[in-house]
Amino acid sequence: MVKEGKNNKTKIITVVVTIAILFVLLAYSMVAVYFKDRFLFGTKVNGMKVSCKTVKQVEDMISSQLLDYSIKINERNDNSEVIFGSDIGLENTFDDTLSNYVKKQNTIGWIVSLFKKKDVELEKLIVYDKMKYEDVVSGLMCLSDESRIVQPVDAHISDYSDGQYTVVPQEQGSLVNKDRLKETLDSAILSLSEEVDIDAAGCYEAPQITSEDENLKNICDILNKYVSADIRYTFGDKIEEVNGDMISEWVSYEDGNVTLNDTAIANYIQSLASKYNTIFTNRKFKTSYGQTVTVEGGDYGWWMDQITESQKLKDSIIAGEQVTREPEYKQTAESHGDKDYGSTYVEINITAQHLYFYVDGKLIIESDFVSGTETNGHATPSGTYSITYKERDATLNGENYSTPVSYWMPFNMDIGLHDAGWRSKFGGFIYQKSGSHGCINLPPDVAKTIFQYIEKGDPVIVYRLPGTENKEALAQENAKSVIALIKAIGEVTLESENDIKTARSKYDALSDTAKKYVTNIDTLVNAEEQLKALKETPAQ
């Protein structure tokens, strides 16, 4: 009995399930039949929702909409325009297109349409007059009114201001791309849309570069790094500064590359060299005699290495350095300012044939010397120089001579200070006829002392100062000329009167010191007495 009851229950369940399945199949089939002349769920035709509608209903819907159709065009800056269907000759052109599409639908698979939307583009439903459409579109304000047409502007780097550069955001403008506009309107009209946003549809020309452009931001960062540089050049107590304001005039960028104007940098360094170089310049120099002279010529002084410094400045700017330093030099001097020779130097007075050697402002030694011979082209040139080097036990070689010296201190090519032990006298006027080949000949002990203190680069100042000649030597020189005049008198005759008077006049003009060196004054006195006697003797 139990077993029979279970079988009956199973049979009942089977019958119920079968009936349910048959019912579902019947309902499904009925829906499939329903869609034989209707559009499936989720169907859009040319943008129009046509789900569950018949072909006739869709055609009526389209025809109804065409009667007073217009489309609103929403533009930028809250502007809008309207196109009326009548303006472009909008009309339907129904044929079998819709019917054929419905017939081809997979109605058996209608359930899929519940989950999968389908947009269908069909031709020959609506048409418009292409010439009228072209005229209407071309006449739209967004294309024809210049007050509404603003070119887009790319994001770009600002001018230098307040110590920096910034990225200026792009400007969208309001320049419409006519082809994209026509394409957008065509699609909207054929789907009988009531309005269209041509901005959202991408009808406006867009800037090519935006503020998010990595290359643009990188350029801005590089520019700001450059103008953050601050290079302060020191010239003693004076400072010349290269800062962002100046650098901004030298920097430029193009095609994503930042460049510095090499010519502008070189010109700036050249301006510093012109201002602070002292090599080859004339100097005012207060002598040990208390008088100030202008020392012309010589190669002593500050000499900036313009090529090296130009590159170094460029490198500092690129690195964004903040630094205080001196520029690169080919040659330096002791100090900046008018007295660039400092307080350690050799002072050589050619006129006096006397020198002074100061170290840190203290006189170490002074001495007579013999300079280059004035009468044969070997005169020692004036100017400000520096000790090139110093050498112990050197041999000086030249045309027709080779001379060993114990202390050699060159300062002007092959001209220098050195000992001259072969000389018994120094100073006076020896240099005029029996001087050196240009060097400064010194007593050995003087040369030794200078050698002990002097260093490479120390200044040597050579000048001439009339009126500072050695008084004793000058007296002797002047006496020599009078002695010669007296000797030239010879045998006294009446014709000797002018010679005797000239000798007397020159003698009387001598200083008392010089007169002491006129060794033949008695000859002049005797000549005067003889001339007097001749003039008193009666003519025969």
Protein backbone atom coordinates (compact mmCIF):
# COMPACT_ATOMS: atom_id res chain seq x y z
CA MET A 1 0.00 0.00 0.00
CA VAL A 2 2.75 2.41 0.87
CA LYS A 3 4.54 1.78 -2.35
CA GLU A 4 1.38 2.38 -4.41
CA GLY A 5 0.78 5.78 -2.66
CA LYS A 6 4.29 6.98 -3.51
CA ASN A 7 3.80 6.08 -7.19
CA ASN A 8 0.57 8.08 -7.34
CA LYS A 9 2.27 11.12 -5.83
CA THR A 10 5.10 10.93 -8.37
CA LYS A 11 2.64 10.69 -11.22
CA ILE A 12 0.82 13.80 -9.98
CA ILE A 13 4.07 15.84 -9.80
CA THR A 14 5.06 14.71 -13.27
CA VAL A 15 1.70 15.74 -14.70
CA VAL A 16 1.87 19.17 -12.99
CA VAL A 17 5.42 19.87 -14.22
CA THR A 18 4.50 18.80 -17.73
CA ILE A 19 1.47 21.06 -17.76
CA ALA A 20 3.62 23.99 -16.45
CA ILE A 21 6.22 23.46 -19.13
CA LEU A 22 3.58 23.27 -21.82
CA PHE A 23 2.06 26.49 -20.48
CA VAL A 24 5.43 28.30 -20.51
CA LEU A 25 6.14 27.08 -24.03
CA LEU A 26 2.73 28.20 -25.14
CA ALA A 27 3.22 31.65 -23.56
CA TYR A 28 6.72 31.98 -25.05
CA SER A 29 5.37 30.99 -28.45
CA MET A 30 2.56 33.49 -28.17
CA VAL A 31 5.10 36.29 -27.45
CA ALA A 32 7.13 35.13 -30.44
CA VAL A 33 4.01 35.30 -32.59
CA TYR A 34 3.32 38.77 -31.13
CA PHE A 35 6.67 40.03 -32.41
CA LYS A 36 6.14 38.69 -35.96
CA ASP A 37 5.05 42.19 -37.01
CA ARG A 38 6.53 44.23 -34.20
CA PHE A 39 9.97 45.41 -33.15
CA LEU A 40 11.66 43.45 -30.35
CA PHE A 41 12.27 44.82 -26.87
CA GLY A 42 15.09 47.41 -26.56
CA THR A 43 15.12 48.29 -30.27
CA LYS A 44 16.00 51.75 -31.51
CA VAL A 45 15.73 52.69 -35.16
CA ASN A 46 17.87 55.63 -36.14
CA GLY A 47 17.86 56.67 -32.48
CA MET A 48 14.05 56.38 -32.05
CA LYS A 49 12.64 53.97 -29.44
CA VAL A 50 10.40 51.51 -31.28
CA SER A 51 10.09 48.62 -28.80
CA CYS A 52 6.85 46.58 -29.35
CA LYS A 53 5.65 48.92 -32.11
CA THR A 54 4.40 47.81 -35.49
CA VAL A 55 5.84 49.16 -38.71
CA LYS A 56 2.68 51.23 -39.21
CA GLN A 57 2.95 52.68 -35.71
CA VAL A 58 6.58 53.66 -36.32
CA GLU A 59 5.73 55.24 -39.65
CA ASP A 60 2.85 57.15 -38.06
CA MET A 61 5.12 58.27 -35.23
CA ILE A 62 7.71 59.52 -37.72
CA SER A 63 5.10 61.24 -39.88
CA SER A 64 3.56 62.91 -36.85
CA GLN A 65 6.91 64.23 -35.70
CA LEU A 66 7.73 65.57 -39.16
CA LEU A 67 4.68 67.85 -39.24
CA ASP A 68 6.23 70.57 -37.04
CA TYR A 69 9.68 69.16 -36.45
CA SER A 70 12.48 71.38 -35.16
CA ILE A 71 15.75 70.71 -33.44
CA LYS A 72 17.35 72.96 -30.85
CA ILE A 73 21.13 73.29 -31.13
CA ASN A 74 22.73 73.94 -27.75
CA GLU A 75 26.06 75.72 -28.08
CA ARG A 76 28.76 77.06 -25.81
CA ASN A 77 28.36 80.26 -23.81
CA ASP A 78 24.62 79.56 -23.31
CA ASN A 79 23.92 80.18 -26.97
CA SER A 80 21.38 78.14 -28.92
CA GLU A 81 19.83 78.00 -32.38
CA VAL A 82 16.94 76.13 -34.03
CA ILE A 83 16.63 74.34 -37.35
CA PHE A 84 13.11 73.63 -38.61
CA GLY A 85 12.40 70.57 -40.67
CA SER A 86 10.56 72.68 -43.22
CA ASP A 87 13.70 74.78 -43.75
CA ILE A 88 15.62 71.77 -44.99
CA GLY A 89 12.78 70.00 -46.83
CA LEU A 90 12.53 67.22 -44.26
CA GLU A 91 10.12 64.41 -45.29
CA ASN A 92 9.60 60.68 -44.93
CA THR A 93 10.46 58.22 -47.60
CA PHE A 94 8.91 54.98 -46.41
CA ASP A 95 9.40 51.77 -48.39
CA ASP A 96 9.84 48.17 -47.30
CA THR A 97 12.87 48.94 -45.17
CA LEU A 98 11.09 48.75 -41.82
CA SER A 99 8.97 45.73 -42.86
CA ASN A 100 11.97 43.84 -44.11
CA TYR A 101 13.83 44.49 -40.89
CA VAL A 102 10.92 43.23 -38.76
CA LYS A 103 10.62 40.10 -40.88
CA LYS A 104 14.30 39.35 -40.37
CA GLN A 105 14.12 39.56 -36.60
CA ASN A 106 14.74 36.40 -34.62
CA THR A 107 11.38 36.31 -32.89
CA ILE A 108 12.03 32.88 -31.40
CA GLY A 109 14.92 34.44 -29.51
CA TRP A 110 12.85 37.44 -28.39
CA ILE A 111 13.80 36.88 -24.72
CA VAL A 112 17.38 37.92 -25.48
CA SER A 113 16.11 41.39 -26.38
CA LEU A 114 15.10 41.89 -22.77
CA PHE A 115 18.77 41.98 -21.82
CA LYS A 116 20.46 43.19 -24.97
CA LYS A 117 19.59 46.56 -26.49
CA LYS A 118 19.85 47.00 -30.23
CA ASP A 119 20.41 50.22 -32.15
CA VAL A 120 19.51 49.95 -35.80
CA GLU A 121 20.48 52.42 -38.50
CA LEU A 122 18.14 52.20 -41.46
CA GLU A 123 18.23 54.32 -44.58
CA LYS A 124 15.36 55.73 -46.62
CA LEU A 125 13.11 56.54 -43.63
CA ILE A 126 13.66 60.31 -43.58
CA VAL A 127 15.36 62.50 -46.12
CA TYR A 128 16.08 66.21 -46.51
CA ASP A 129 17.14 68.51 -49.30
CA LYS A 130 20.94 68.48 -49.22
CA MET A 131 21.32 71.92 -50.78
CA LYS A 132 18.86 73.47 -48.34
CA TYR A 133 20.58 71.64 -45.47
CA GLU A 134 23.96 72.99 -46.54
CA ASP A 135 22.63 76.55 -46.72
CA VAL A 136 20.89 76.33 -43.34
CA VAL A 137 23.92 74.85 -41.58
CA SER A 138 26.30 77.35 -43.18
CA GLY A 139 24.09 80.17 -41.96
CA LEU A 140 24.10 79.07 -38.35
CA MET A 141 25.40 81.81 -36.04
CA CYS A 142 27.99 79.48 -34.54
CA LEU A 143 29.61 79.32 -37.98
CA SER A 144 28.93 82.76 -39.41
CA ASP A 145 28.88 85.28 -36.54
CA GLU A 146 32.45 86.39 -35.89
CA SER A 147 31.53 87.59 -32.40
CA ARG A 148 30.73 83.99 -31.49
CA ILE A 149 33.80 82.48 -33.09
CA VAL A 150 36.78 82.39 -30.73
CA GLN A 151 39.87 80.41 -31.64
CA PRO A 152 40.98 77.83 -29.08
CA VAL A 153 44.26 78.64 -27.34
CA ASP A 154 46.77 75.99 -26.36
CA ALA A 155 48.05 75.81 -22.82
CA HIS A 156 51.40 77.58 -22.73
CA ILE A 157 54.15 78.94 -20.54
CA SER A 158 53.56 82.39 -19.09
CA ASP A 159 55.98 85.26 -19.36
CA TYR A 160 58.46 85.51 -16.50
CA SER A 161 56.75 87.28 -13.60
CA ASP A 162 57.32 87.49 -9.84
CA GLY A 163 60.38 85.28 -10.12
CA GLN A 164 58.81 82.35 -11.92
CA TYR A 165 57.05 80.86 -14.92
CA THR A 166 53.64 79.17 -14.78
CA VAL A 167 51.55 76.98 -17.06
CA VAL A 168 48.71 79.07 -18.47
CA PRO A 169 45.67 76.78 -18.94
CA GLN A 170 44.23 76.20 -22.38
CA GLU A 171 41.23 78.18 -23.60
CA GLN A 172 38.51 76.14 -25.31
CA GLY A 173 37.26 78.99 -27.47
CA SER A 174 34.17 78.48 -29.63
CA LEU A 175 35.43 77.48 -33.06
CA VAL A 176 33.06 74.90 -34.57
CA ASN A 177 34.30 72.20 -36.90
CA LYS A 178 31.74 72.42 -39.72
CA ASP A 179 32.17 68.84 -40.92
CA ARG A 180 31.68 67.40 -37.43
CA LEU A 181 28.71 69.71 -36.88
CA LYS A 182 27.03 68.57 -40.11
CA GLU A 183 27.64 64.95 -39.20
CA THR A 184 26.20 65.45 -35.69
CA LEU A 185 23.14 67.33 -36.93
CA ASP A 186 22.54 64.80 -39.69
CA SER A 187 22.42 61.99 -37.16
CA ALA A 188 20.21 63.95 -34.75
CA ILE A 189 17.73 65.07 -37.42
CA LEU A 190 17.40 61.63 -38.96
CA SER A 191 16.59 60.29 -35.49
CA LEU A 192 14.15 63.20 -35.02
CA SER A 193 15.94 64.36 -31.87
CA GLU A 194 14.44 67.49 -30.40
CA GLU A 195 17.77 68.97 -29.32
CA VAL A 196 21.46 68.31 -29.56
CA ASP A 197 24.42 69.54 -27.53
CA ILE A 198 27.14 70.15 -30.07
CA ASP A 199 29.73 70.69 -27.30
CA ALA A 200 29.07 67.26 -25.82
CA ALA A 201 29.07 65.85 -29.35
CA GLY A 202 32.63 67.13 -29.88
CA CYS A 203 31.84 69.61 -32.63
CA TYR A 204 34.22 72.30 -31.32
CA GLU A 205 37.87 72.50 -32.23
CA ALA A 206 39.89 71.67 -29.14
CA PRO A 207 43.28 73.05 -28.06
CA GLN A 208 46.14 70.79 -29.10
CA ILE A 209 48.00 71.24 -25.82
CA THR A 210 46.39 71.17 -22.39
CA SER A 211 47.72 72.15 -18.99
CA GLU A 212 48.12 68.45 -18.23
CA ASP A 213 50.65 68.04 -21.01
CA GLU A 214 53.70 66.44 -19.40
CA ASN A 215 56.13 68.03 -21.82
CA LEU A 216 54.73 71.50 -21.11
CA LYS A 217 54.94 70.96 -17.36
CA ASN A 218 58.50 69.68 -17.77
CA ILE A 219 59.47 72.81 -19.71
CA CYS A 220 57.97 74.99 -16.99
CA ASP A 221 59.93 73.10 -14.32
CA ILE A 222 63.18 73.51 -16.25
CA LEU A 223 62.58 77.23 -16.78
CA ASN A 224 61.88 77.73 -13.08
CA LYS A 225 65.01 75.80 -12.19
CA TYR A 226 67.06 78.07 -14.45
CA VAL A 227 65.65 81.31 -13.06
CA SER A 228 66.08 80.06 -9.50
CA ALA A 229 69.84 80.29 -10.04
CA ASP A 230 71.63 83.14 -8.29
CA ILE A 231 75.32 83.60 -9.06
CA ARG A 232 77.05 86.41 -7.17
CA TYR A 233 80.46 87.36 -8.53
CA THR A 234 82.84 88.98 -6.06
CA PHE A 235 85.43 91.57 -7.09
CA GLY A 236 86.91 92.61 -3.79
CA ASP A 237 84.16 94.52 -1.99
CA LYS A 238 82.08 94.78 -5.17
CA ILE A 239 79.46 92.22 -6.23
CA GLU A 240 77.87 91.55 -9.60
CA GLU A 241 74.74 89.38 -9.47
CA VAL A 242 73.18 87.11 -12.07
CA ASN A 243 69.61 86.41 -10.98
CA GLY A 244 66.30 85.26 -12.41
CA ASP A 245 65.48 88.65 -13.89
CA MET A 246 68.62 88.53 -15.99
CA ILE A 247 68.44 84.82 -16.79
CA SER A 248 64.86 85.18 -18.04
CA GLU A 249 66.24 87.42 -20.80
CA TRP A 250 68.68 84.70 -21.85
CA VAL A 251 66.36 81.69 -21.80
CA SER A 252 63.97 80.48 -24.50
CA TYR A 253 62.15 77.32 -25.45
CA GLU A 254 60.97 75.85 -28.71
CA ASP A 255 59.75 72.43 -29.80
CA GLY A 256 59.97 71.18 -26.24
CA ASN A 257 63.59 72.26 -25.78
CA VAL A 258 64.82 74.90 -23.34
CA THR A 259 67.92 76.77 -24.49
CA LEU A 260 70.18 79.46 -23.10
CA ASN A 261 71.49 82.22 -25.32
CA ASP A 262 75.24 81.53 -25.42
CA THR A 263 75.93 84.86 -27.11
CA ALA A 264 74.09 86.81 -24.40
CA ILE A 265 76.00 84.95 -21.67
CA ALA A 266 79.32 85.58 -23.43
CA ASN A 267 78.46 89.27 -23.84
CA TYR A 268 77.69 89.55 -20.13
CA ILE A 269 81.00 87.94 -19.15
CA GLN A 270 82.73 90.23 -21.62
CA SER A 271 81.12 93.23 -19.91
CA LEU A 272 82.50 92.03 -16.56
CA ALA A 273 85.94 91.59 -18.10
CA SER A 274 85.83 95.10 -19.55
CA LYS A 275 84.86 96.45 -16.15
CA TYR A 276 87.21 94.51 -13.90
CA ASN A 277 90.17 93.35 -16.01
CA THR A 278 93.28 95.38 -15.20
CA ILE A 279 95.82 93.65 -17.45
CA PHE A 280 97.44 95.97 -20.00
CA THR A 281 95.96 99.04 -18.30
CA ASN A 282 97.65 102.22 -17.11
CA ARG A 283 97.92 102.71 -13.35
CA LYS A 284 98.27 105.64 -11.04
CA PHE A 285 101.13 104.82 -8.69
CA LYS A 286 102.38 106.82 -5.74
CA THR A 287 106.15 106.48 -5.75
CA SER A 288 108.49 106.29 -2.84
CA TYR A 289 109.46 109.84 -3.80
CA GLY A 290 106.01 111.08 -2.84
CA GLN A 291 105.05 111.86 -6.42
CA THR A 292 102.32 110.03 -8.32
CA VAL A 293 103.08 108.76 -11.82
CA THR A 294 101.06 107.03 -14.51
CA VAL A 295 102.64 103.67 -15.23
CA GLU A 296 101.81 102.63 -18.77
CA GLY A 297 101.93 99.14 -20.23
CA GLY A 298 102.91 95.82 -18.77
CA ASP A 299 100.99 92.55 -18.49
CA TYR A 300 100.28 92.57 -14.76
CA GLY A 301 96.69 92.48 -13.54
CA TRP A 302 93.39 90.64 -13.48
CA TRP A 303 92.69 88.77 -16.69
CA MET A 304 89.38 86.95 -16.84
CA ASP A 305 89.10 83.64 -18.70
CA GLN A 306 85.96 84.58 -20.60
CA ILE A 307 85.45 81.30 -22.48
CA THR A 308 85.79 79.14 -19.39
CA GLU A 309 83.67 81.46 -17.24
CA SER A 310 80.91 81.69 -19.87
CA GLN A 311 80.56 77.91 -19.84
CA LYS A 312 80.76 77.76 -16.07
CA LEU A 313 78.02 80.38 -15.73
CA LYS A 314 75.84 78.44 -18.15
CA ASP A 315 76.38 75.25 -16.17
CA SER A 316 75.50 77.04 -12.93
CA ILE A 317 72.25 78.32 -14.44
CA ILE A 318 71.30 74.89 -15.74
CA ALA A 319 71.97 73.43 -12.30
CA GLY A 320 69.94 76.19 -10.61
CA GLU A 321 72.86 77.02 -8.32
CA GLN A 322 72.85 79.71 -5.66
CA VAL A 323 76.53 80.48 -5.20
CA THR A 324 78.92 83.32 -4.40
CA ARG A 325 82.32 83.06 -6.06
CA GLU A 326 85.01 84.70 -8.14
CA PRO A 327 85.02 84.21 -11.91
CA GLU A 328 87.65 82.10 -13.64
CA TYR A 329 90.89 83.94 -14.41
CA LYS A 330 93.81 83.35 -16.74
CA GLN A 331 95.81 85.59 -14.44
CA THR A 332 95.15 87.18 -11.07
CA ALA A 333 96.47 90.22 -9.26
CA GLU A 334 97.11 90.89 -5.59
CA SER A 335 93.86 92.71 -4.91
CA HIS A 336 90.91 94.42 -6.58
CA GLY A 337 90.51 98.14 -6.97
CA ASP A 338 92.87 100.88 -8.11
CA LYS A 339 95.86 99.42 -6.23
CA ASP A 340 95.58 95.91 -7.63
CA TYR A 341 99.32 95.45 -7.06
CA GLY A 342 98.75 95.28 -3.31
CA SER A 343 101.43 96.06 -0.75
CA THR A 344 104.16 93.62 -1.81
CA TYR A 345 106.02 94.78 -4.90
CA VAL A 346 109.32 95.86 -6.44
CA GLU A 347 109.40 99.56 -7.38
CA ILE A 348 111.93 100.36 -10.10
CA ASN A 349 112.72 103.98 -11.00
CA ILE A 350 114.70 103.94 -14.24
CA THR A 351 115.42 107.65 -14.04
CA ALA A 352 116.94 107.40 -10.57
CA GLN A 353 118.43 103.94 -11.26
CA HIS A 354 117.12 103.02 -7.84
CA LEU A 355 114.64 100.41 -6.61
CA TYR A 356 112.60 99.71 -3.49
CA PHE A 357 111.29 96.31 -2.41
CA TYR A 358 108.24 96.28 -0.11
CA VAL A 359 106.69 93.24 1.57
CA ASP A 360 103.27 93.77 3.13
CA GLY A 361 103.91 97.49 3.00
CA LYS A 362 107.26 97.28 4.80
CA LEU A 363 110.46 98.35 3.03
CA ILE A 364 112.77 95.34 2.98
CA ILE A 365 115.59 96.79 0.92
CA GLU A 366 116.44 99.57 -1.52
CA SER A 367 119.39 99.80 -3.88
CA ASP A 368 120.93 101.37 -6.93
CA PHE A 369 121.01 99.21 -10.05
CA VAL A 370 121.99 99.30 -13.68
CA SER A 371 119.20 98.86 -16.25
CA GLY A 372 119.20 98.33 -20.03
CA THR A 373 121.47 100.43 -22.20
CA GLU A 374 119.53 103.43 -23.50
CA THR A 375 121.70 104.14 -26.55
CA ASN A 376 121.56 100.76 -28.31
CA GLY A 377 117.87 99.77 -28.13
CA HIS A 378 118.08 97.69 -24.95
CA ALA A 379 116.37 100.18 -22.63
CA THR A 380 114.34 98.52 -19.90
CA PRO A 381 110.64 99.12 -20.76
CA SER A 382 108.30 100.80 -18.28
CA GLY A 383 105.15 99.02 -17.16
CA THR A 384 103.64 96.85 -14.45
CA TYR A 385 104.65 93.20 -14.56
CA SER A 386 104.78 90.21 -12.28
CA ILE A 387 107.52 87.79 -11.32
CA THR A 388 107.23 84.88 -13.74
CA TYR A 389 109.24 82.52 -11.54
CA LYS A 390 112.52 82.56 -9.61
CA GLU A 391 115.52 80.34 -10.17
CA ARG A 392 118.75 79.75 -8.30
CA ASP A 393 122.04 79.49 -10.24
CA ALA A 394 120.72 80.15 -13.73
CA THR A 395 122.56 80.92 -16.95
CA LEU A 396 121.31 83.82 -19.04
CA ASN A 397 121.87 83.27 -22.75
CA GLY A 398 121.49 85.79 -25.53
CA GLU A 399 123.12 87.05 -28.66
CA ASN A 400 126.85 87.07 -28.10
CA TYR A 401 126.62 86.32 -24.37
CA SER A 402 126.06 83.55 -21.85
CA THR A 403 126.13 84.75 -18.27
CA PRO A 404 125.76 82.68 -15.10
CA VAL A 405 123.89 84.36 -12.23
CA SER A 406 123.09 83.20 -8.72
CA TYR A 407 119.63 84.77 -8.42
CA TRP A 408 117.35 84.98 -11.45
CA MET A 409 113.88 86.61 -11.18
CA PRO A 410 112.34 87.29 -14.64
CA PHE A 411 109.30 89.56 -14.92
CA ASN A 412 109.03 90.62 -18.57
CA MET A 413 109.83 87.67 -20.83
CA ASP A 414 113.65 87.50 -20.81
CA ILE A 415 114.00 90.67 -18.74
CA GLY A 416 114.41 90.21 -15.01
CA LEU A 417 116.18 91.01 -11.77
CA HIS A 418 119.52 89.34 -11.12
CA ASP A 419 122.85 89.74 -9.43
CA ALA A 420 125.71 91.33 -11.39
CA GLY A 421 128.88 90.62 -9.42
CA TRP A 422 131.04 91.68 -12.33
CA ARG A 423 130.04 95.32 -11.86
CA SER A 424 131.92 97.52 -9.40
CA LYS A 425 129.44 100.40 -9.53
CA PHE A 426 125.65 100.72 -9.74
CA GLY A 427 123.30 103.64 -10.28
CA GLY A 428 124.08 107.02 -11.72
CA PHE A 429 124.20 107.18 -15.53
CA ILE A 430 125.99 103.94 -16.24
CA TYR A 431 122.87 102.60 -17.99
CA GLN A 432 122.94 105.28 -20.67
CA LYS A 433 125.97 103.86 -22.43
CA SER A 434 127.10 100.78 -20.51
CA GLY A 435 123.87 99.23 -19.24
CA SER A 436 122.50 95.70 -19.54
CA HIS A 437 120.54 93.99 -22.31
CA GLY A 438 117.35 95.08 -20.51
CA CYS A 439 117.68 93.33 -17.16
CA ILE A 440 118.02 95.01 -13.80
CA ASN A 441 121.59 94.39 -12.66
CA LEU A 442 121.84 94.33 -8.84
CA PRO A 443 124.57 94.08 -6.25
CA PRO A 444 124.74 90.37 -5.24
CA ASP A 445 123.64 90.93 -1.65
CA VAL A 446 120.62 92.94 -2.79
CA ALA A 447 119.63 90.28 -5.32
CA LYS A 448 119.93 87.63 -2.61
CA THR A 449 117.69 89.52 -0.21
CA ILE A 450 115.01 90.11 -2.82
CA PHE A 451 115.20 86.46 -3.92
CA GLN A 452 114.58 85.30 -0.36
CA TYR A 453 111.31 87.22 -0.03
CA ILE A 454 109.87 87.55 -3.50
CA GLU A 455 107.36 85.02 -4.91
CA LYS A 456 105.96 84.15 -8.28
CA GLY A 457 103.23 86.62 -9.24
CA ASP A 458 104.54 89.50 -7.11
CA PRO A 459 104.29 92.84 -8.97
CA VAL A 460 107.22 94.68 -10.48
CA ILE A 461 106.47 98.34 -11.22
CA VAL A 462 108.85 100.05 -13.64
CA TYR A 463 108.61 103.78 -14.37
CA ARG A 464 110.51 106.92 -15.22
CA LEU A 465 110.35 110.08 -13.09
CA PRO A 466 112.31 113.08 -14.33
CA GLY A 467 113.89 115.07 -11.54
CA THR A 468 114.78 112.07 -9.42
CA GLU A 469 118.19 111.45 -10.94
CA ASN A 470 121.03 110.74 -8.49
CA LYS A 471 122.19 114.23 -7.55
CA GLU A 472 125.83 113.33 -7.19
CA ALA A 473 125.87 111.43 -10.45
CA LEU A 474 123.96 114.20 -12.18
CA ALA A 475 126.46 116.70 -10.90
CA GLN A 476 129.31 114.63 -12.30
CA GLU A 477 127.53 114.31 -15.68
CA ASN A 478 126.96 118.04 -15.89
CA ALA A 479 130.56 118.69 -14.91
CA LYS A 480 131.76 116.43 -17.74
CA SER A 481 130.10 118.61 -20.36
CA VAL A 482 131.79 121.76 -18.97
CA ILE A 483 135.15 119.99 -18.81
CA ALA A 484 134.76 119.15 -22.48
CA LEU A 485 133.95 122.75 -23.38
CA ILE A 486 137.07 123.98 -21.58
CA LYS A 487 139.25 121.40 -23.32
CA ALA A 488 137.84 122.50 -26.67
CA ILE A 489 139.19 126.08 -26.19
CA GLY A 490 142.71 124.98 -27.07
CA GLU A 491 145.24 127.74 -27.98
CA VAL A 492 143.87 131.12 -26.99
CA THR A 493 143.42 133.70 -29.76
CA LEU A 494 141.09 136.60 -30.25
CA GLU A 495 138.84 134.16 -32.13
CA SER A 496 138.56 132.05 -28.92
CA GLU A 497 136.42 134.65 -27.19
CA ASN A 498 133.04 132.98 -27.89
CA ASP A 499 134.29 129.55 -26.78
CA ILE A 500 135.70 131.01 -23.58
CA LYS A 501 132.49 132.89 -22.80
CA THR A 502 130.38 129.77 -23.46
CA ALA A 503 132.51 127.64 -21.15
CA ARG A 504 132.34 130.33 -18.44
CA SER A 505 128.56 130.60 -18.79
CA LYS A 506 128.06 126.84 -18.51
CA TYR A 507 130.38 126.62 -15.54
CA ASP A 508 128.62 129.41 -13.69
CA ALA A 509 125.29 127.66 -14.24
CA LEU A 510 126.50 124.51 -12.50
CA SER A 511 125.50 123.67 -8.97
CA ASP A 512 128.17 124.05 -6.31
CA THR A 513 128.41 120.25 -6.18
CA ALA A 514 128.96 119.97 -9.95
CA LYS A 515 131.56 122.75 -9.92
CA LYS A 516 133.65 120.63 -7.59
CA TYR A 517 133.97 118.01 -10.35
CA VAL A 518 135.24 120.47 -13.00
CA THR A 519 138.88 119.50 -12.80
CA ASN A 520 140.21 121.98 -15.42
CA ILE A 521 138.71 125.20 -14.12
CA ASP A 522 142.26 126.63 -13.92
CA THR A 523 142.54 126.17 -17.68
CA LEU A 524 139.41 128.30 -18.17
CA VAL A 525 140.77 131.02 -15.83
CA ASN A 526 144.12 131.09 -17.67
CA ALA A 527 142.30 131.26 -21.01
CA GLU A 528 140.29 134.23 -19.81
CA GLU A 529 143.48 136.03 -18.65
CA GLN A 530 145.22 135.32 -21.97
CA LEU A 531 142.23 136.62 -23.93
CA LYS A 532 142.21 139.78 -21.82
CA ALA A 533 145.89 140.36 -22.46
CA LEU A 534 145.46 139.89 -26.21
CA LYS A 535 142.66 142.36 -26.30
CA GLU A 536 144.76 144.97 -24.37
CA THR A 537 147.82 144.64 -26.62
CA PRO A 538 147.92 147.48 -29.22
CA ALA A 539 147.61 146.42 -32.80
CA GLN A 540 150.93 146.47 -34.69
